């Protein structure tokens, strides 16, 4: 017996493996030790999600897949899927945005439960309040630190031009037009601070894991950040 997510994935892969031949619902039912009715519901759900599965009618009929209109299995990391989600959220005016979102839903639908949870957790730490442009992309070290939840040593130039070295605990990345910011616990100031990405002149990820300080990206409110002067110009 397997859970439904794994079974849906296995159904598609079995149909791809034998294409253009077909498999009957009875064959799948015996293979996965469930009822034929359960298999028919699974295949119907896949069809409704856009998987090109078609039925061969008749008592000896079954199901087949059009391999020319499907992709082989993709092994995507949480960071890769979160990157797609961030790009869609950051630029809602881009062409095919709606199609991109439905594609993202299909990707999440076939991810294992553990992988999908990792994507959701990482995506929660990328907040887009207003589409930011691409002039302040995070460095590779900042991106790795967000994913790995590890402390960063940064060199930062503030809006007055003063440069300081700081150890920060990354929590989230915030997009507020026209800039991107790193929201982190600043050990120098001993409080949460936001750092404009294009003002981080150097960043090195350490081996230290970020401690749990109870900072939840979901609680971030743009008005509060601006009102407290956390988001600098």
C-alpha atoms as a PDB file:
ATOM      1  CA  UNK A   1       0.000   0.000   0.000  1.00  0.00           C
ATOM      2  CA  UNK A   2       1.222   3.509  -0.833  1.00  0.00           C
ATOM      3  CA  UNK A   3      -0.204   6.927  -0.072  1.00  0.00           C
ATOM      4  CA  UNK A   4      -2.226   8.730  -2.730  1.00  0.00           C
ATOM      5  CA  UNK A   5       0.499  11.216  -3.683  1.00  0.00           C
ATOM      6  CA  UNK A   6       2.971   8.422  -4.388  1.00  0.00           C
ATOM      7  CA  UNK A   7       0.286   6.428  -6.197  1.00  0.00           C
ATOM      8  CA  UNK A   8      -0.584   9.335  -8.530  1.00  0.00           C
ATOM      9  CA  UNK A   9       3.073   9.755  -9.390  1.00  0.00           C
ATOM     10  CA  UNK A  10       3.460   5.990  -9.970  1.00  0.00           C
ATOM     11  CA  UNK A  11       0.380   5.887 -12.219  1.00  0.00           C
ATOM     12  CA  UNK A  12       1.843   8.502 -14.529  1.00  0.00           C
ATOM     13  CA  UNK A  13       5.270   6.849 -14.588  1.00  0.00           C
ATOM     14  CA  UNK A  14       3.808   3.421 -15.363  1.00  0.00           C
ATOM     15  CA  UNK A  15       1.752   4.837 -18.223  1.00  0.00           C
ATOM     16  CA  UNK A  16       4.828   6.653 -19.565  1.00  0.00           C
ATOM     17  CA  UNK A  17       6.888   3.459 -19.354  1.00  0.00           C
ATOM     18  CA  UNK A  18       4.457   1.353 -21.418  1.00  0.00           C
ATOM     19  CA  UNK A  19       3.256   4.063 -23.847  1.00  0.00           C
ATOM     20  CA  UNK A  20       1.703   3.880 -26.363  1.00  0.00           C
ATOM     21  CA  UNK A  21       0.279   0.704 -24.846  1.00  0.00           C
ATOM     22  CA  UNK A  22      -2.405   0.941 -22.179  1.00  0.00           C
ATOM     23  CA  UNK A  23      -3.062  -0.377 -18.695  1.00  0.00           C
ATOM     24  CA  UNK A  24      -6.481  -1.322 -17.303  1.00  0.00           C
ATOM     25  CA  UNK A  25      -7.921   0.015 -14.065  1.00  0.00           C
ATOM     26  CA  UNK A  26      -8.034  -3.589 -12.842  1.00  0.00           C
ATOM     27  CA  UNK A  27      -4.310  -4.007 -13.517  1.00  0.00           C
ATOM     28  CA  UNK A  28      -3.527  -0.853 -11.512  1.00  0.00           C
ATOM     29  CA  UNK A  29      -5.900  -1.913  -8.734  1.00  0.00           C
ATOM     30  CA  UNK A  30      -4.054  -5.195  -8.302  1.00  0.00           C
ATOM     31  CA  UNK A  31      -0.691  -3.455  -8.545  1.00  0.00           C
ATOM     32  CA  UNK A  32      -1.466  -0.924  -5.793  1.00  0.00           C
ATOM     33  CA  UNK A  33      -3.843  -3.096  -3.742  1.00  0.00           C
ATOM     34  CA  UNK A  34      -6.791  -0.721  -3.990  1.00  0.00           C
ATOM     35  CA  UNK A  35     -10.159  -0.899  -5.712  1.00  0.00           C
ATOM     36  CA  UNK A  36     -10.676  -0.253  -9.421  1.00  0.00           C
ATOM     37  CA  UNK A  37     -12.983   2.604  -8.417  1.00  0.00           C
ATOM     38  CA  UNK A  38     -10.101   4.235  -6.477  1.00  0.00           C
ATOM     39  CA  UNK A  39      -7.846   3.959  -9.533  1.00  0.00           C
ATOM     40  CA  UNK A  40     -10.526   5.491 -11.761  1.00  0.00           C
ATOM     41  CA  UNK A  41     -10.857   8.438  -9.342  1.00  0.00           C
ATOM     42  CA  UNK A  42      -7.061   8.875  -9.345  1.00  0.00           C
ATOM     43  CA  UNK A  43      -6.872   8.836 -13.135  1.00  0.00           C
ATOM     44  CA  UNK A  44      -9.784  11.276 -13.364  1.00  0.00           C
ATOM     45  CA  UNK A  45      -7.985  13.637 -10.962  1.00  0.00           C
ATOM     46  CA  UNK A  46      -4.846  13.473 -13.101  1.00  0.00           C
ATOM     47  CA  UNK A  47      -6.869  14.228 -16.237  1.00  0.00           C
ATOM     48  CA  UNK A  48      -8.498  17.227 -14.559  1.00  0.00           C
ATOM     49  CA  UNK A  49      -5.015  18.456 -13.565  1.00  0.00           C
ATOM     50  CA  UNK A  50      -4.045  18.481 -17.242  1.00  0.00           C
ATOM     51  CA  UNK A  51      -2.149  15.191 -17.546  1.00  0.00           C
ATOM     52  CA  UNK A  52      -2.856  13.913 -21.113  1.00  0.00           C
ATOM     53  CA  UNK A  53      -4.312  10.529 -20.144  1.00  0.00           C
ATOM     54  CA  UNK A  54      -6.991   9.114 -22.416  1.00  0.00           C
ATOM     55  CA  UNK A  55      -9.271   6.118 -21.994  1.00  0.00           C
ATOM     56  CA  UNK A  56      -9.750   3.247 -24.445  1.00  0.00           C
ATOM     57  CA  UNK A  57     -13.460   2.300 -24.294  1.00  0.00           C
ATOM     58  CA  UNK A  58     -14.859  -1.203 -24.053  1.00  0.00           C
ATOM     59  CA  UNK A  59     -14.664  -4.182 -21.725  1.00  0.00           C
ATOM     60  CA  UNK A  60     -11.048  -4.804 -22.684  1.00  0.00           C
ATOM     61  CA  UNK A  61     -10.136  -1.126 -22.713  1.00  0.00           C
ATOM     62  CA  UNK A  62      -7.850   0.809 -20.430  1.00  0.00           C
ATOM     63  CA  UNK A  63      -5.818   3.980 -20.056  1.00  0.00           C
ATOM     64  CA  UNK A  64      -2.838   5.378 -21.962  1.00  0.00           C
ATOM     65  CA  UNK A  65      -0.798   8.582 -21.902  1.00  0.00           C
ATOM     66  CA  UNK A  66       0.347  10.878 -24.697  1.00  0.00           C
ATOM     67  CA  UNK A  67       4.094  11.011 -23.996  1.00  0.00           C
ATOM     68  CA  UNK A  68       4.627  13.749 -26.590  1.00  0.00           C
ATOM     69  CA  UNK A  69       2.714  16.145 -24.367  1.00  0.00           C
ATOM     70  CA  UNK A  70       4.242  15.256 -21.008  1.00  0.00           C
ATOM     71  CA  UNK A  71       7.558  15.912 -19.311  1.00  0.00           C
ATOM     72  CA  UNK A  72       9.782  13.230 -17.792  1.00  0.00           C
ATOM     73  CA  UNK A  73      10.206  13.290 -13.991  1.00  0.00           C
ATOM     74  CA  UNK A  74      11.851  16.452 -12.678  1.00  0.00           C
ATOM     75  CA  UNK A  75      13.951  16.416  -9.531  1.00  0.00           C
ATOM     76  CA  UNK A  76      13.513  19.952  -8.257  1.00  0.00           C
ATOM     77  CA  UNK A  77      14.924  21.281  -5.023  1.00  0.00           C
ATOM     78  CA  UNK A  78      12.874  23.382  -2.619  1.00  0.00           C
ATOM     79  CA  UNK A  79      14.952  26.407  -3.654  1.00  0.00           C
ATOM     80  CA  UNK A  80      14.211  25.841  -7.354  1.00  0.00           C
ATOM     81  CA  UNK A  81      10.451  25.592  -6.853  1.00  0.00           C
ATOM     82  CA  UNK A  82      10.473  28.571  -4.472  1.00  0.00           C
ATOM     83  CA  UNK A  83      12.379  30.545  -7.124  1.00  0.00           C
ATOM     84  CA  UNK A  84       9.569  29.914  -9.618  1.00  0.00           C
ATOM     85  CA  UNK A  85       6.976  30.980  -7.049  1.00  0.00           C
ATOM     86  CA  UNK A  86       8.952  34.134  -6.218  1.00  0.00           C
ATOM     87  CA  UNK A  87       9.342  35.109  -9.870  1.00  0.00           C
ATOM     88  CA  UNK A  88       5.601  34.750 -10.426  1.00  0.00           C
ATOM     89  CA  UNK A  89       4.776  36.789  -7.330  1.00  0.00           C
ATOM     90  CA  UNK A  90       7.313  39.506  -8.121  1.00  0.00           C
ATOM     91  CA  UNK A  91       6.072  40.308 -11.610  1.00  0.00           C
ATOM     92  CA  UNK A  92       2.340  39.806 -12.011  1.00  0.00           C
ATOM     93  CA  UNK A  93       2.351  41.848 -15.241  1.00  0.00           C
ATOM     94  CA  UNK A  94       4.593  39.382 -17.080  1.00  0.00           C
ATOM     95  CA  UNK A  95       3.065  37.382 -19.966  1.00  0.00           C
ATOM     96  CA  UNK A  96       1.692  33.923 -19.131  1.00  0.00           C
ATOM     97  CA  UNK A  97       1.626  34.629 -15.391  1.00  0.00           C
ATOM     98  CA  UNK A  98      -1.634  32.697 -14.958  1.00  0.00           C
ATOM     99  CA  UNK A  99      -0.240  29.739 -16.912  1.00  0.00           C
ATOM    100  CA  UNK A 100       2.877  29.864 -14.764  1.00  0.00           C
ATOM    101  CA  UNK A 101       0.814  29.631 -11.603  1.00  0.00           C
ATOM    102  CA  UNK A 102      -1.159  26.632 -12.842  1.00  0.00           C
ATOM    103  CA  UNK A 103       2.148  24.986 -13.801  1.00  0.00           C
ATOM    104  CA  UNK A 104       3.434  25.638 -10.297  1.00  0.00           C
ATOM    105  CA  UNK A 105       0.314  24.014  -8.825  1.00  0.00           C
ATOM    106  CA  UNK A 106       0.961  20.913 -10.934  1.00  0.00           C
ATOM    107  CA  UNK A 107       4.562  20.758  -9.741  1.00  0.00           C
ATOM    108  CA  UNK A 108       3.455  20.981  -6.110  1.00  0.00           C
ATOM    109  CA  UNK A 109       0.784  18.342  -6.716  1.00  0.00           C
ATOM    110  CA  UNK A 110       3.323  15.693  -7.694  1.00  0.00           C
ATOM    111  CA  UNK A 111       5.988  16.526  -5.115  1.00  0.00           C
ATOM    112  CA  UNK A 112       6.317  14.175  -2.188  1.00  0.00           C
ATOM    113  CA  UNK A 113       4.816  15.397   1.067  1.00  0.00           C
ATOM    114  CA  UNK A 114       8.251  16.104   2.576  1.00  0.00           C
ATOM    115  CA  UNK A 115       9.469  17.986  -0.508  1.00  0.00           C
ATOM    116  CA  UNK A 116       6.290  20.046  -0.748  1.00  0.00           C
ATOM    117  CA  UNK A 117       6.538  20.989   2.924  1.00  0.00           C
ATOM    118  CA  UNK A 118      10.108  22.161   2.332  1.00  0.00           C
ATOM    119  CA  UNK A 119       8.942  24.318  -0.571  1.00  0.00           C
ATOM    120  CA  UNK A 120       6.142  25.861   1.469  1.00  0.00           C
ATOM    121  CA  UNK A 121       8.487  26.581   4.378  1.00  0.00           C
ATOM    122  CA  UNK A 122      11.071  28.236   2.128  1.00  0.00           C
ATOM    123  CA  UNK A 123       8.454  30.159   0.149  1.00  0.00           C
ATOM    124  CA  UNK A 124       7.102  31.577   3.422  1.00  0.00           C
ATOM    125  CA  UNK A 125      10.454  33.318   3.865  1.00  0.00           C
ATOM    126  CA  UNK A 126      10.170  35.212   0.572  1.00  0.00           C
ATOM    127  CA  UNK A 127       7.654  38.059   0.937  1.00  0.00           C
ATOM    128  CA  UNK A 128       6.756  40.237  -2.038  1.00  0.00           C
ATOM    129  CA  UNK A 129       4.801  43.321  -0.958  1.00  0.00           C
ATOM    130  CA  UNK A 130       5.244  45.147  -4.260  1.00  0.00           C
ATOM    131  CA  UNK A 131       7.109  43.771  -7.267  1.00  0.00           C
ATOM    132  CA  UNK A 132      10.779  44.677  -6.959  1.00  0.00           C
ATOM    133  CA  UNK A 133      13.083  45.025  -9.950  1.00  0.00           C
ATOM    134  CA  UNK A 134      16.189  42.997 -10.634  1.00  0.00           C
ATOM    135  CA  UNK A 135      18.765  45.637  -9.639  1.00  0.00           C
ATOM    136  CA  UNK A 136      19.301  44.281  -6.120  1.00  0.00           C
ATOM    137  CA  UNK A 137      19.538  40.528  -6.451  1.00  0.00           C
ATOM    138  CA  UNK A 138      20.923  38.609  -3.463  1.00  0.00           C
ATOM    139  CA  UNK A 139      24.414  37.191  -3.693  1.00  0.00           C
ATOM    140  CA  UNK A 140      24.868  33.436  -3.838  1.00  0.00           C
ATOM    141  CA  UNK A 141      25.954  33.448  -0.186  1.00  0.00           C
ATOM    142  CA  UNK A 142      22.758  35.227   0.896  1.00  0.00           C
ATOM    143  CA  UNK A 143      20.621  32.767  -1.075  1.00  0.00           C
ATOM    144  CA  UNK A 144      22.427  29.755   0.402  1.00  0.00           C
ATOM    145  CA  UNK A 145      22.103  31.167   3.922  1.00  0.00           C
ATOM    146  CA  UNK A 146      18.334  31.645   3.513  1.00  0.00           C
ATOM    147  CA  UNK A 147      17.939  28.041   2.314  1.00  0.00           C
ATOM    148  CA  UNK A 148      20.301  26.487   4.873  1.00  0.00           C
ATOM    149  CA  UNK A 149      19.227  28.781   7.752  1.00  0.00           C
ATOM    150  CA  UNK A 150      22.821  29.656   8.606  1.00  0.00           C
ATOM    151  CA  UNK A 151      24.424  32.825   9.994  1.00  0.00           C
ATOM    152  CA  UNK A 152      25.913  35.346   7.571  1.00  0.00           C
ATOM    153  CA  UNK A 153      28.905  37.637   8.032  1.00  0.00           C
ATOM    154  CA  UNK A 154      28.193  40.706   5.915  1.00  0.00           C
ATOM    155  CA  UNK A 155      29.777  44.026   5.092  1.00  0.00           C
ATOM    156  CA  UNK A 156      27.033  46.630   4.815  1.00  0.00           C
ATOM    157  CA  UNK A 157      26.988  50.201   3.529  1.00  0.00           C
ATOM    158  CA  UNK A 158      24.028  52.140   4.943  1.00  0.00           C
ATOM    159  CA  UNK A 159      22.197  55.044   3.277  1.00  0.00           C
ATOM    160  CA  UNK A 160      24.630  57.508   4.884  1.00  0.00           C
ATOM    161  CA  UNK A 161      27.523  55.703   3.255  1.00  0.00           C
ATOM    162  CA  UNK A 162      28.915  54.272   6.494  1.00  0.00           C
ATOM    163  CA  UNK A 163      30.335  50.752   6.221  1.00  0.00           C
ATOM    164  CA  UNK A 164      30.080  48.179   9.020  1.00  0.00           C
ATOM    165  CA  UNK A 165      30.767  44.482   9.493  1.00  0.00           C
ATOM    166  CA  UNK A 166      27.895  42.515  10.985  1.00  0.00           C
ATOM    167  CA  UNK A 167      26.867  38.979  11.816  1.00  0.00           C
ATOM    168  CA  UNK A 168      23.209  38.470  10.903  1.00  0.00           C
ATOM    169  CA  UNK A 169      20.716  35.624  11.212  1.00  0.00           C
ATOM    170  CA  UNK A 170      18.713  35.497   7.943  1.00  0.00           C
ATOM    171  CA  UNK A 171      14.959  35.129   8.277  1.00  0.00           C
ATOM    172  CA  UNK A 172      13.367  36.263   5.023  1.00  0.00           C
ATOM    173  CA  UNK A 173      13.795  38.159   1.771  1.00  0.00           C
ATOM    174  CA  UNK A 174      11.396  41.078   1.238  1.00  0.00           C
ATOM    175  CA  UNK A 175      10.466  42.584  -2.109  1.00  0.00           C
ATOM    176  CA  UNK A 176       9.329  46.205  -1.947  1.00  0.00           C
ATOM    177  CA  UNK A 177       9.560  48.220  -5.159  1.00  0.00           C
ATOM    178  CA  UNK A 178      12.125  49.022  -6.345  1.00  0.00           C
ATOM    179  CA  UNK A 179      14.404  47.015  -4.034  1.00  0.00           C
ATOM    180  CA  UNK A 180      14.904  43.661  -2.352  1.00  0.00           C
ATOM    181  CA  UNK A 181      15.819  43.444   1.330  1.00  0.00           C
ATOM    182  CA  UNK A 182      17.258  40.798   3.631  1.00  0.00           C
ATOM    183  CA  UNK A 183      15.267  40.676   6.880  1.00  0.00           C
ATOM    184  CA  UNK A 184      17.481  39.267   9.618  1.00  0.00           C
ATOM    185  CA  UNK A 185      18.339  39.375  13.289  1.00  0.00           C
ATOM    186  CA  UNK A 186      21.280  41.773  13.575  1.00  0.00           C
ATOM    187  CA  UNK A 187      23.676  40.729  16.318  1.00  0.00           C
ATOM    188  CA  UNK A 188      25.262  44.185  16.320  1.00  0.00           C
ATOM    189  CA  UNK A 189      21.946  45.955  17.058  1.00  0.00           C
ATOM    190  CA  UNK A 190      20.329  43.000  18.872  1.00  0.00           C
ATOM    191  CA  UNK A 191      17.059  43.370  16.989  1.00  0.00           C
ATOM    192  CA  UNK A 192      15.488  42.491  13.619  1.00  0.00           C
ATOM    193  CA  UNK A 193      16.804  44.686  10.817  1.00  0.00           C
ATOM    194  CA  UNK A 194      16.343  44.895   7.048  1.00  0.00           C
ATOM    195  CA  UNK A 195      19.369  45.243   4.765  1.00  0.00           C
ATOM    196  CA  UNK A 196      19.025  46.434   1.194  1.00  0.00           C
ATOM    197  CA  UNK A 197      20.609  43.762  -0.945  1.00  0.00           C
ATOM    198  CA  UNK A 198      22.511  46.116  -3.238  1.00  0.00           C
ATOM    199  CA  UNK A 199      24.177  47.633  -0.143  1.00  0.00           C
ATOM    200  CA  UNK A 200      25.567  44.318   1.050  1.00  0.00           C
ATOM    201  CA  UNK A 201      29.052  44.635  -0.412  1.00  0.00           C
ATOM    202  CA  UNK A 202      30.287  41.264   0.864  1.00  0.00           C
ATOM    203  CA  UNK A 203      28.638  38.192   2.375  1.00  0.00           C
ATOM    204  CA  UNK A 204      30.089  34.950   3.720  1.00  0.00           C
ATOM    205  CA  UNK A 205      27.978  32.103   5.030  1.00  0.00           C
ATOM    206  CA  UNK A 206      29.257  30.614   8.280  1.00  0.00           C
ATOM    207  CA  UNK A 207      28.786  27.077   9.622  1.00  0.00           C
ATOM    208  CA  UNK A 208      26.559  28.308  12.473  1.00  0.00           C
ATOM    209  CA  UNK A 209      22.872  27.404  12.321  1.00  0.00           C
ATOM    210  CA  UNK A 210      20.431  30.262  12.929  1.00  0.00           C
ATOM    211  CA  UNK A 211      18.826  29.905  16.389  1.00  0.00           C
ATOM    212  CA  UNK A 212      15.062  30.030  16.754  1.00  0.00           C
ATOM    213  CA  UNK A 213      14.138  33.541  17.888  1.00  0.00           C
ATOM    214  CA  UNK A 214      10.449  33.168  17.067  1.00  0.00           C
ATOM    215  CA  UNK A 215      10.611  35.520  14.075  1.00  0.00           C
ATOM    216  CA  UNK A 216       7.789  34.568  11.721  1.00  0.00           C
ATOM    217  CA  UNK A 217       7.900  36.044   8.195  1.00  0.00           C
ATOM    218  CA  UNK A 218       4.121  35.692   7.978  1.00  0.00           C
ATOM    219  CA  UNK A 219       3.757  38.406  10.629  1.00  0.00           C
ATOM    220  CA  UNK A 220       5.701  41.012   8.653  1.00  0.00           C
ATOM    221  CA  UNK A 221       3.539  43.999   7.742  1.00  0.00           C
ATOM    222  CA  UNK A 222       4.761  46.529   5.188  1.00  0.00           C
ATOM    223  CA  UNK A 223       3.221  49.505   7.000  1.00  0.00           C
ATOM    224  CA  UNK A 224       5.013  48.545  10.200  1.00  0.00           C
ATOM    225  CA  UNK A 225       8.368  48.228   8.431  1.00  0.00           C
ATOM    226  CA  UNK A 226       8.044  51.594   6.719  1.00  0.00           C
ATOM    227  CA  UNK A 227       6.673  53.295   9.831  1.00  0.00           C
ATOM    228  CA  UNK A 228       9.612  52.146  11.917  1.00  0.00           C
ATOM    229  CA  UNK A 229      12.060  53.178   9.221  1.00  0.00           C
ATOM    230  CA  UNK A 230      13.263  49.604   8.803  1.00  0.00           C
ATOM    231  CA  UNK A 231      13.068  49.795   5.028  1.00  0.00           C
ATOM    232  CA  UNK A 232      15.587  52.434   4.044  1.00  0.00           C
ATOM    233  CA  UNK A 233      15.760  54.228   0.722  1.00  0.00           C
END
